[in-house]
Amino acid sequence: MSITQSMASSDSTPPSRLVRMMVGASIPGSY
């Protein structure tokens, strides 16, 4: 998933989920 996609999905997804996705993309194994 690209940053643009996650940003577009942030409309219906909670901010915490978006942050977790961004952190997971930056730091592998954080899930």
C-alpha atoms as a PDB file:
ATOM      1  CA  MET A   1       0.000   0.000   0.000  1.00  0.00           C
ATOM      2  CA  SER A   2       1.360   3.396  -0.920  1.00  0.00           C
ATOM      3  CA  ILE A   3       1.287   6.518   1.251  1.00  0.00           C
ATOM      4  CA  THR A   4      -1.251   8.102  -1.107  1.00  0.00           C
ATOM      5  CA  GLN A   5      -3.579   5.141  -0.721  1.00  0.00           C
ATOM      6  CA  SER A   6      -3.341   5.129   3.062  1.00  0.00           C
ATOM      7  CA  MET A   7      -4.016   8.874   3.119  1.00  0.00           C
ATOM      8  CA  ALA A   8      -7.124   8.390   0.990  1.00  0.00           C
ATOM      9  CA  SER A   9      -8.267   5.591   3.303  1.00  0.00           C
ATOM     10  CA  SER A  10      -7.658   7.711   6.397  1.00  0.00           C
ATOM     11  CA  ASP A  11     -11.050   9.236   5.660  1.00  0.00           C
ATOM     12  CA  SER A  12     -12.803   6.076   6.846  1.00  0.00           C
ATOM     13  CA  THR A  13     -10.049   4.604   9.022  1.00  0.00           C
ATOM     14  CA  PRO A  14      -9.158   5.774  12.533  1.00  0.00           C
ATOM     15  CA  PRO A  15      -6.020   7.959  12.833  1.00  0.00           C
ATOM     16  CA  SER A  16      -4.422   5.389  15.124  1.00  0.00           C
ATOM     17  CA  ARG A  17      -4.720   2.775  12.408  1.00  0.00           C
ATOM     18  CA  LEU A  18      -3.168   5.113   9.846  1.00  0.00           C
ATOM     19  CA  VAL A  19      -0.267   5.854  12.180  1.00  0.00           C
ATOM     20  CA  ARG A  20       0.255   2.167  12.844  1.00  0.00           C
ATOM     21  CA  MET A  21       0.326   1.485   9.098  1.00  0.00           C
ATOM     22  CA  MET A  22       2.819   4.294   8.498  1.00  0.00           C
ATOM     23  CA  VAL A  23       5.014   3.136  11.385  1.00  0.00           C
ATOM     24  CA  GLY A  24       4.843  -0.452  10.156  1.00  0.00           C
ATOM     25  CA  ALA A  25       5.966   0.680   6.701  1.00  0.00           C
ATOM     26  CA  SER A  26       8.877   2.614   8.193  1.00  0.00           C
ATOM     27  CA  ILE A  27       9.862   0.017  10.808  1.00  0.00           C
ATOM     28  CA  PRO A  28       9.409  -3.578   9.564  1.00  0.00           C
ATOM     29  CA  GLY A  29       8.376  -6.041  12.268  1.00  0.00           C
ATOM     30  CA  SER A  30       6.467  -3.484  14.329  1.00  0.00           C
ATOM     31  CA  TYR A  31       3.170  -5.231  13.664  1.00  0.00           C
END
